[in-house]
């Protein structure tokens, strides 16, 4: 059995902030990684980490407000990058990293996520892994966003090649 490893470069974030939308949510690609020359039955395991900062409301002297930050890790048969789209991009979820979220409170200020998922390949060819993120708050005003911390994370993948 052979193993290959791939990773994004430092500072590979595709966006600098996450705009807050509530209905519908808006999805953006944070990281994208190409995994080449896969064969059916290969196993891809991916790891990712990112950090966001909730500074909302503090510039006006109020206590700020919670922001729901959610994410999913996906695998695609082609390169797909979305920016504030109102539908998830096409692809499969890297399990167990289906959509999930948590509030980043003003007291936390910085919130980080570490994701791990895997996927058994069904078709030969290249694949792309992405981390898709979105955020919302019932107290957000038009134009509100939270900051993605550049160079505080990335995406890596290990491929277990099942054929000799």
N, C-alpha and C. Protein backbone atom coordinates (compact mmCIF):
# COMPACT_ATOMS: atom_id res chain seq x y z
N UNK A 1 0.84 -1.17 0.00
CA UNK A 1 0.00 0.00 0.00
C UNK A 1 0.90 1.24 0.00
N UNK A 2 0.47 2.27 -0.72
CA UNK A 2 1.23 3.51 -0.83
C UNK A 2 0.41 4.66 -0.24
N UNK A 3 1.10 5.62 0.38
CA UNK A 3 0.46 6.80 0.94
C UNK A 3 1.06 8.04 0.28
N UNK A 4 0.21 9.02 -0.04
CA UNK A 4 0.65 10.32 -0.54
C UNK A 4 0.05 11.40 0.33
N UNK A 5 0.77 12.52 0.43
CA UNK A 5 0.33 13.63 1.28
C UNK A 5 0.31 14.92 0.46
N UNK A 6 -0.74 15.72 0.67
CA UNK A 6 -0.91 17.01 -0.02
C UNK A 6 -1.33 18.04 1.01
N UNK A 7 -0.95 19.32 0.78
CA UNK A 7 -1.36 20.37 1.71
C UNK A 7 -1.39 21.72 1.01
N UNK A 8 -2.22 22.60 1.54
CA UNK A 8 -2.25 23.97 1.03
C UNK A 8 -1.00 24.70 1.52
N UNK A 9 -0.66 25.76 0.83
CA UNK A 9 0.43 26.61 1.29
C UNK A 9 -0.07 27.48 2.44
N UNK A 10 0.84 27.99 3.21
CA UNK A 10 0.46 28.88 4.31
C UNK A 10 -0.16 30.14 3.74
N UNK A 11 -1.28 30.58 4.32
CA UNK A 11 -1.97 31.76 3.83
C UNK A 11 -2.86 31.49 2.63
N UNK A 12 -3.33 30.25 2.47
CA UNK A 12 -4.11 29.85 1.29
C UNK A 12 -5.61 30.16 1.40
N UNK A 13 -6.01 30.92 2.40
CA UNK A 13 -7.43 31.24 2.55
C UNK A 13 -7.93 31.99 1.30
N UNK A 14 -9.09 31.58 0.80
CA UNK A 14 -9.68 32.22 -0.38
C UNK A 14 -10.47 33.47 -0.04
N UNK A 15 -10.84 33.65 1.24
CA UNK A 15 -11.61 34.82 1.65
C UNK A 15 -10.98 35.44 2.89
N UNK A 16 -11.25 36.74 3.09
CA UNK A 16 -10.73 37.45 4.26
C UNK A 16 -11.78 37.63 5.34
N UNK A 17 -13.05 37.55 4.95
CA UNK A 17 -14.11 37.67 5.94
C UNK A 17 -15.32 36.86 5.49
N UNK A 18 -16.21 36.65 6.45
CA UNK A 18 -17.45 35.92 6.18
C UNK A 18 -18.58 36.92 6.41
N UNK A 19 -19.27 37.25 5.34
CA UNK A 19 -20.42 38.15 5.46
C UNK A 19 -21.57 37.40 6.13
N UNK A 20 -22.31 38.11 6.98
CA UNK A 20 -23.39 37.49 7.75
C UNK A 20 -24.71 37.60 6.99
N UNK A 21 -25.26 36.46 6.63
CA UNK A 21 -26.57 36.37 6.00
C UNK A 21 -27.37 35.35 6.79
N UNK A 22 -28.68 35.55 6.87
CA UNK A 22 -29.47 34.63 7.67
C UNK A 22 -30.41 33.78 6.82
N UNK A 23 -31.10 34.37 5.89
CA UNK A 23 -32.05 33.59 5.11
C UNK A 23 -32.02 34.06 3.67
N UNK A 24 -31.46 33.32 2.76
CA UNK A 24 -30.76 32.05 3.00
C UNK A 24 -29.32 32.31 3.45
N UNK A 25 -28.70 31.27 4.00
CA UNK A 25 -27.27 31.35 4.30
C UNK A 25 -26.51 31.56 3.00
N UNK A 26 -25.28 32.07 3.10
CA UNK A 26 -24.40 32.24 1.94
C UNK A 26 -23.11 31.51 2.22
N UNK A 27 -22.70 30.68 1.28
CA UNK A 27 -21.59 29.76 1.46
C UNK A 27 -20.37 30.24 0.68
N UNK A 28 -19.19 30.10 1.31
CA UNK A 28 -17.93 30.51 0.68
C UNK A 28 -16.87 29.43 0.87
N UNK A 29 -16.03 29.28 -0.14
CA UNK A 29 -14.90 28.35 -0.06
C UNK A 29 -13.78 29.03 0.71
N UNK A 30 -13.35 28.40 1.79
CA UNK A 30 -12.21 28.92 2.55
C UNK A 30 -10.91 28.33 2.02
N UNK A 31 -10.86 27.01 1.87
CA UNK A 31 -9.67 26.32 1.34
C UNK A 31 -10.08 25.39 0.22
N UNK A 32 -9.16 25.19 -0.72
CA UNK A 32 -9.34 24.25 -1.83
C UNK A 32 -8.02 23.55 -2.06
N UNK A 33 -8.05 22.21 -2.22
CA UNK A 33 -6.85 21.41 -2.39
C UNK A 33 -7.09 20.34 -3.45
N UNK A 34 -6.22 20.30 -4.45
CA UNK A 34 -6.32 19.27 -5.49
C UNK A 34 -5.61 18.00 -5.02
N UNK A 35 -6.28 16.87 -5.22
CA UNK A 35 -5.71 15.56 -4.92
C UNK A 35 -5.72 14.78 -6.24
N UNK A 36 -4.56 14.60 -6.86
CA UNK A 36 -4.51 14.06 -8.22
C UNK A 36 -4.49 12.53 -8.31
N UNK A 37 -4.92 12.06 -9.48
CA UNK A 37 -4.73 10.67 -9.91
C UNK A 37 -5.26 9.64 -8.91
N UNK A 38 -6.47 9.85 -8.45
CA UNK A 38 -7.09 8.89 -7.54
C UNK A 38 -7.65 7.72 -8.33
N UNK A 39 -7.74 6.58 -7.67
CA UNK A 39 -8.35 5.39 -8.26
C UNK A 39 -9.46 4.91 -7.35
N UNK A 40 -10.46 4.27 -7.95
CA UNK A 40 -11.57 3.72 -7.17
C UNK A 40 -11.03 2.88 -6.01
N UNK A 41 -11.63 3.05 -4.85
CA UNK A 41 -11.31 2.39 -3.58
C UNK A 41 -10.15 3.04 -2.82
N UNK A 42 -9.47 4.05 -3.38
CA UNK A 42 -8.52 4.83 -2.57
C UNK A 42 -9.29 5.49 -1.43
N UNK A 43 -8.61 5.70 -0.31
CA UNK A 43 -9.21 6.37 0.84
C UNK A 43 -8.49 7.71 1.02
N UNK A 44 -9.27 8.80 1.04
CA UNK A 44 -8.72 10.13 1.26
C UNK A 44 -9.14 10.59 2.65
N UNK A 45 -8.16 10.96 3.46
CA UNK A 45 -8.42 11.53 4.78
C UNK A 45 -7.93 12.97 4.76
N UNK A 46 -8.77 13.89 5.21
CA UNK A 46 -8.42 15.32 5.17
C UNK A 46 -8.51 15.92 6.56
N UNK A 47 -7.64 16.90 6.82
CA UNK A 47 -7.60 17.65 8.08
C UNK A 47 -7.57 19.13 7.74
N UNK A 48 -8.29 19.92 8.52
CA UNK A 48 -8.28 21.36 8.30
C UNK A 48 -8.44 22.08 9.63
N UNK A 49 -7.94 23.31 9.65
CA UNK A 49 -8.14 24.19 10.80
C UNK A 49 -8.28 25.60 10.28
N UNK A 50 -9.13 26.40 10.94
CA UNK A 50 -9.23 27.81 10.62
C UNK A 50 -9.64 28.57 11.87
N UNK A 51 -9.43 29.89 11.85
CA UNK A 51 -9.79 30.75 12.98
C UNK A 51 -10.51 31.98 12.47
N UNK A 52 -11.53 32.40 13.22
CA UNK A 52 -12.27 33.62 12.90
C UNK A 52 -12.28 34.53 14.13
N UNK A 53 -12.53 35.82 13.91
CA UNK A 53 -12.59 36.80 14.99
C UNK A 53 -13.92 37.53 14.96
N UNK A 54 -14.60 37.57 16.09
CA UNK A 54 -15.88 38.28 16.24
C UNK A 54 -15.62 39.59 16.96
N UNK A 55 -15.55 40.69 16.20
CA UNK A 55 -15.40 42.04 16.76
C UNK A 55 -16.69 42.84 16.67
N UNK A 56 -17.78 42.21 16.29
CA UNK A 56 -19.00 42.94 15.99
C UNK A 56 -19.61 43.62 17.20
N UNK A 57 -20.01 44.89 17.00
CA UNK A 57 -20.67 45.67 18.03
C UNK A 57 -19.74 46.39 18.97
N UNK A 58 -18.51 45.94 19.11
CA UNK A 58 -17.60 46.52 20.09
C UNK A 58 -17.14 47.93 19.73
N UNK A 59 -17.17 48.27 18.43
CA UNK A 59 -16.73 49.61 18.05
C UNK A 59 -17.71 50.68 18.52
N UNK A 60 -18.93 50.28 18.90
CA UNK A 60 -19.93 51.23 19.37
C UNK A 60 -20.06 51.22 20.89
N UNK A 61 -19.20 50.49 21.57
CA UNK A 61 -19.21 50.45 23.02
C UNK A 61 -20.24 49.50 23.61
N UNK A 62 -20.97 48.75 22.79
CA UNK A 62 -21.91 47.79 23.35
C UNK A 62 -21.20 46.45 23.54
N UNK A 63 -21.85 45.49 24.17
CA UNK A 63 -21.17 44.23 24.48
C UNK A 63 -20.97 43.30 23.28
N UNK A 64 -21.48 43.66 22.11
CA UNK A 64 -21.34 42.80 20.95
C UNK A 64 -22.42 41.74 20.91
N UNK A 65 -22.32 40.81 19.96
CA UNK A 65 -23.33 39.77 19.84
C UNK A 65 -22.72 38.50 19.28
N UNK A 66 -23.43 37.39 19.54
CA UNK A 66 -22.98 36.08 19.08
C UNK A 66 -23.12 35.96 17.57
N UNK A 67 -22.22 35.17 16.98
CA UNK A 67 -22.29 34.86 15.56
C UNK A 67 -22.16 33.35 15.40
N UNK A 68 -23.14 32.76 14.70
CA UNK A 68 -23.07 31.34 14.38
C UNK A 68 -22.09 31.18 13.22
N UNK A 69 -21.05 30.39 13.43
CA UNK A 69 -20.08 30.08 12.38
C UNK A 69 -20.22 28.59 12.08
N UNK A 70 -20.45 28.27 10.80
CA UNK A 70 -20.66 26.87 10.42
C UNK A 70 -19.72 26.51 9.28
N UNK A 71 -19.55 25.21 9.08
CA UNK A 71 -18.57 24.72 8.12
C UNK A 71 -18.96 23.33 7.64
N UNK A 72 -18.34 22.94 6.54
CA UNK A 72 -18.42 21.57 6.04
C UNK A 72 -17.14 21.32 5.25
N UNK A 73 -16.70 20.08 5.21
CA UNK A 73 -15.56 19.70 4.37
C UNK A 73 -16.12 18.81 3.27
N UNK A 74 -15.78 19.15 2.01
CA UNK A 74 -16.37 18.47 0.87
C UNK A 74 -15.31 17.95 -0.08
N UNK A 75 -15.70 16.97 -0.90
CA UNK A 75 -14.84 16.47 -1.97
C UNK A 75 -15.63 16.60 -3.27
N UNK A 76 -14.95 17.08 -4.31
CA UNK A 76 -15.59 17.40 -5.59
C UNK A 76 -14.85 16.71 -6.72
N UNK A 77 -15.57 16.46 -7.81
CA UNK A 77 -14.95 15.86 -9.00
C UNK A 77 -14.33 16.92 -9.91
N UNK A 78 -14.53 18.19 -9.59
CA UNK A 78 -13.90 19.29 -10.32
C UNK A 78 -13.66 20.43 -9.36
N UNK A 79 -12.82 21.38 -9.77
CA UNK A 79 -12.51 22.53 -8.91
C UNK A 79 -13.74 23.43 -8.82
N UNK A 80 -14.23 23.63 -7.59
CA UNK A 80 -15.41 24.44 -7.35
C UNK A 80 -15.09 25.44 -6.24
N UNK A 81 -15.15 26.71 -6.57
CA UNK A 81 -14.96 27.75 -5.55
C UNK A 81 -16.20 28.64 -5.56
N UNK A 82 -16.80 28.80 -4.38
CA UNK A 82 -17.99 29.64 -4.24
C UNK A 82 -17.66 30.83 -3.35
N UNK A 83 -18.37 31.93 -3.59
CA UNK A 83 -18.18 33.13 -2.79
C UNK A 83 -19.55 33.74 -2.48
N UNK A 84 -20.00 33.52 -1.28
CA UNK A 84 -21.28 34.03 -0.79
C UNK A 84 -22.45 33.54 -1.64
N UNK A 85 -22.39 32.29 -2.12
CA UNK A 85 -23.47 31.67 -2.90
C UNK A 85 -24.58 31.20 -1.96
N UNK A 86 -25.81 31.18 -2.44
CA UNK A 86 -26.92 30.78 -1.57
C UNK A 86 -27.24 29.28 -1.62
N UNK A 87 -26.40 28.48 -2.29
CA UNK A 87 -26.54 27.03 -2.25
C UNK A 87 -25.17 26.40 -2.05
N UNK A 88 -25.16 25.24 -1.39
CA UNK A 88 -23.90 24.50 -1.23
C UNK A 88 -23.37 24.14 -2.62
N UNK A 89 -22.06 24.12 -2.78
CA UNK A 89 -21.51 23.68 -4.07
C UNK A 89 -21.74 22.18 -4.25
N UNK A 90 -21.73 21.70 -5.50
CA UNK A 90 -21.92 20.26 -5.73
C UNK A 90 -20.73 19.47 -5.20
N UNK A 91 -20.99 18.30 -4.66
CA UNK A 91 -19.93 17.45 -4.14
C UNK A 91 -20.47 16.58 -3.02
N UNK A 92 -19.58 15.81 -2.41
CA UNK A 92 -19.92 14.94 -1.29
C UNK A 92 -19.28 15.47 -0.02
N UNK A 93 -19.94 15.27 1.11
CA UNK A 93 -19.35 15.66 2.38
C UNK A 93 -18.29 14.64 2.78
N UNK A 94 -17.15 15.14 3.26
CA UNK A 94 -16.12 14.28 3.85
C UNK A 94 -16.62 13.96 5.26
N UNK A 95 -17.02 12.74 5.49
CA UNK A 95 -17.64 12.40 6.78
C UNK A 95 -16.57 12.24 7.86
N UNK A 96 -16.84 12.73 9.05
CA UNK A 96 -18.13 13.20 9.56
C UNK A 96 -18.33 14.70 9.44
N UNK A 97 -17.70 15.39 8.53
CA UNK A 97 -17.72 16.86 8.46
C UNK A 97 -18.85 17.42 7.63
N UNK A 98 -20.06 16.91 7.85
CA UNK A 98 -21.26 17.50 7.25
C UNK A 98 -21.48 18.87 7.91
N UNK A 99 -22.37 19.69 7.39
CA UNK A 99 -22.57 21.03 7.96
C UNK A 99 -22.82 20.99 9.46
N UNK A 100 -22.09 21.84 10.17
CA UNK A 100 -22.22 21.97 11.62
C UNK A 100 -21.76 23.37 12.01
N UNK A 101 -22.32 23.89 13.08
CA UNK A 101 -21.95 25.24 13.49
C UNK A 101 -21.97 25.41 15.00
N UNK A 102 -21.44 26.55 15.41
CA UNK A 102 -21.37 26.90 16.83
C UNK A 102 -21.25 28.41 16.94
N UNK A 103 -21.78 28.98 18.02
CA UNK A 103 -21.67 30.42 18.22
C UNK A 103 -20.26 30.81 18.62
N UNK A 104 -19.77 31.90 18.01
CA UNK A 104 -18.55 32.56 18.47
C UNK A 104 -19.04 33.80 19.22
N UNK A 105 -18.86 33.78 20.53
CA UNK A 105 -19.39 34.84 21.38
C UNK A 105 -18.40 36.00 21.47
N UNK A 106 -18.88 37.19 21.89
CA UNK A 106 -17.96 38.30 22.10
C UNK A 106 -16.89 37.96 23.14
N UNK A 107 -17.26 37.18 24.15
CA UNK A 107 -16.29 36.79 25.18
C UNK A 107 -15.19 35.88 24.64
N UNK A 108 -15.55 35.01 23.70
CA UNK A 108 -14.54 34.14 23.08
C UNK A 108 -13.62 34.99 22.20
N UNK A 109 -14.22 35.92 21.47
CA UNK A 109 -13.54 36.81 20.53
C UNK A 109 -12.95 36.05 19.35
N UNK A 110 -12.08 35.07 19.61
CA UNK A 110 -11.51 34.23 18.56
C UNK A 110 -12.11 32.83 18.66
N UNK A 111 -12.57 32.31 17.55
CA UNK A 111 -13.08 30.95 17.52
C UNK A 111 -12.34 30.17 16.46
N UNK A 112 -11.96 28.93 16.78
CA UNK A 112 -11.27 28.13 15.78
C UNK A 112 -11.99 26.80 15.63
N UNK A 113 -11.81 26.19 14.47
CA UNK A 113 -12.38 24.89 14.19
C UNK A 113 -11.29 23.98 13.65
N UNK A 114 -11.30 22.74 14.08
CA UNK A 114 -10.43 21.71 13.54
C UNK A 114 -11.34 20.62 12.97
N UNK A 115 -11.15 20.30 11.70
CA UNK A 115 -12.01 19.36 11.00
C UNK A 115 -11.21 18.15 10.55
N UNK A 116 -11.82 16.98 10.60
CA UNK A 116 -11.21 15.75 10.09
C UNK A 116 -12.33 14.96 9.40
N UNK A 117 -12.03 14.50 8.19
CA UNK A 117 -13.02 13.70 7.48
C UNK A 117 -12.34 12.74 6.53
N UNK A 118 -13.10 11.76 6.04
CA UNK A 118 -12.55 10.81 5.08
C UNK A 118 -13.60 10.46 4.04
N UNK A 119 -13.11 9.88 2.94
CA UNK A 119 -14.01 9.53 1.84
C UNK A 119 -13.38 8.40 1.02
N UNK A 120 -14.18 7.39 0.70
CA UNK A 120 -13.74 6.31 -0.20
C UNK A 120 -14.05 6.74 -1.62
N UNK A 121 -13.05 6.72 -2.48
CA UNK A 121 -13.18 7.15 -3.87
C UNK A 121 -13.93 6.09 -4.68
N UNK A 122 -14.86 6.53 -5.52
CA UNK A 122 -15.64 5.60 -6.34
C UNK A 122 -15.27 5.65 -7.82
N UNK A 123 -14.64 6.76 -8.27
CA UNK A 123 -14.28 6.91 -9.69
C UNK A 123 -12.83 7.34 -9.82
N UNK A 124 -12.15 6.83 -10.84
CA UNK A 124 -10.77 7.24 -11.11
C UNK A 124 -10.73 8.70 -11.55
N UNK A 125 -9.63 9.38 -11.20
CA UNK A 125 -9.42 10.76 -11.65
C UNK A 125 -8.99 11.66 -10.52
N UNK A 126 -8.87 12.94 -10.83
CA UNK A 126 -8.50 13.94 -9.84
C UNK A 126 -9.72 14.29 -8.99
N UNK A 127 -9.47 14.79 -7.78
CA UNK A 127 -10.53 15.30 -6.91
C UNK A 127 -10.04 16.57 -6.25
N UNK A 128 -10.97 17.36 -5.77
CA UNK A 128 -10.65 18.59 -5.05
C UNK A 128 -11.38 18.55 -3.72
N UNK A 129 -10.67 18.90 -2.66
CA UNK A 129 -11.26 18.96 -1.33
C UNK A 129 -11.41 20.43 -0.97
N UNK A 130 -12.54 20.76 -0.36
CA UNK A 130 -12.75 22.15 0.05
C UNK A 130 -13.30 22.22 1.45
N UNK A 131 -13.04 23.35 2.10
CA UNK A 131 -13.70 23.70 3.35
C UNK A 131 -14.64 24.85 3.00
N UNK A 132 -15.93 24.64 3.24
CA UNK A 132 -16.96 25.64 2.95
C UNK A 132 -17.42 26.20 4.28
N UNK A 133 -17.50 27.54 4.38
CA UNK A 133 -17.92 28.16 5.64
C UNK A 133 -19.05 29.15 5.38
N UNK A 134 -19.81 29.42 6.45
CA UNK A 134 -20.86 30.42 6.40
C UNK A 134 -21.15 30.89 7.83
N UNK A 135 -21.79 32.04 7.95
CA UNK A 135 -22.04 32.62 9.27
C UNK A 135 -23.35 33.40 9.25
N UNK A 136 -23.96 33.55 10.44
CA UNK A 136 -25.22 34.27 10.56
C UNK A 136 -25.39 34.78 11.99
N UNK A 137 -26.20 35.82 12.12
CA UNK A 137 -26.61 36.30 13.43
C UNK A 137 -27.92 37.05 13.27
N UNK A 138 -28.84 36.83 14.19
CA UNK A 138 -30.12 37.53 14.13
C UNK A 138 -29.95 39.02 14.44
N UNK A 139 -28.82 39.42 15.03
CA UNK A 139 -28.58 40.83 15.36
C UNK A 139 -27.72 41.54 14.33
N UNK A 140 -27.30 40.84 13.28
CA UNK A 140 -26.42 41.45 12.28
C UNK A 140 -27.14 42.52 11.48
N UNK A 141 -26.38 43.56 11.11
CA UNK A 141 -26.86 44.60 10.23
C UNK A 141 -26.29 44.36 8.84
N UNK A 142 -26.90 44.95 7.82
CA UNK A 142 -26.38 44.83 6.46
C UNK A 142 -24.90 45.18 6.43
N UNK A 143 -24.11 44.32 5.80
CA UNK A 143 -22.68 44.57 5.67
C UNK A 143 -21.82 44.01 6.78
N UNK A 144 -22.44 43.50 7.87
CA UNK A 144 -21.64 42.93 8.96
C UNK A 144 -20.92 41.66 8.48
N UNK A 145 -19.73 41.47 9.02
CA UNK A 145 -18.96 40.26 8.70
C UNK A 145 -18.02 39.98 9.86
N UNK A 146 -17.51 38.76 9.88
CA UNK A 146 -16.46 38.42 10.84
C UNK A 146 -15.19 38.12 10.04
N UNK A 147 -14.07 38.36 10.67
CA UNK A 147 -12.78 38.24 9.99
C UNK A 147 -12.25 36.82 10.05
N UNK A 148 -11.72 36.35 8.93
CA UNK A 148 -10.99 35.09 8.86
C UNK A 148 -9.53 35.42 9.13
N UNK A 149 -8.92 34.74 10.07
CA UNK A 149 -7.52 35.02 10.42
C UNK A 149 -6.61 34.35 9.39
N UNK A 150 -5.93 35.17 8.62
CA UNK A 150 -5.03 34.69 7.58
C UNK A 150 -3.84 33.98 8.22
N UNK A 151 -3.46 32.85 7.63
CA UNK A 151 -2.28 32.07 8.04
C UNK A 151 -2.44 31.38 9.40
N UNK A 152 -3.69 31.22 9.86
CA UNK A 152 -3.94 30.52 11.13
C UNK A 152 -4.48 29.11 10.91
N UNK A 153 -4.36 28.61 9.68
CA UNK A 153 -4.87 27.28 9.41
C UNK A 153 -4.49 26.82 8.03
N UNK A 154 -5.19 25.81 7.56
CA UNK A 154 -4.93 25.25 6.24
C UNK A 154 -5.69 23.96 6.07
N UNK A 155 -5.36 23.25 5.00
CA UNK A 155 -6.03 22.01 4.64
C UNK A 155 -4.98 21.03 4.16
N UNK A 156 -5.02 19.81 4.65
CA UNK A 156 -4.10 18.77 4.19
C UNK A 156 -4.88 17.49 3.95
N UNK A 157 -4.32 16.63 3.09
CA UNK A 157 -4.97 15.35 2.78
C UNK A 157 -3.91 14.27 2.66
N UNK A 158 -4.27 13.09 3.12
CA UNK A 158 -3.46 11.89 2.95
C UNK A 158 -4.29 10.89 2.15
N UNK A 159 -3.66 10.31 1.13
CA UNK A 159 -4.34 9.34 0.29
C UNK A 159 -3.72 7.97 0.55
N UNK A 160 -4.57 7.02 0.93
CA UNK A 160 -4.15 5.63 1.04
C UNK A 160 -4.51 4.99 -0.30
N UNK A 161 -3.49 4.67 -1.06
CA UNK A 161 -3.67 4.08 -2.40
C UNK A 161 -3.82 2.58 -2.21
N UNK A 162 -4.98 2.04 -2.56
CA UNK A 162 -5.28 0.64 -2.27
C UNK A 162 -4.79 -0.33 -3.32
N UNK A 163 -4.38 0.18 -4.48
CA UNK A 163 -3.87 -0.69 -5.54
C UNK A 163 -2.36 -0.55 -5.61
N UNK A 164 -1.69 -1.63 -5.90
CA UNK A 164 -0.22 -1.62 -5.93
C UNK A 164 0.34 -0.82 -7.08
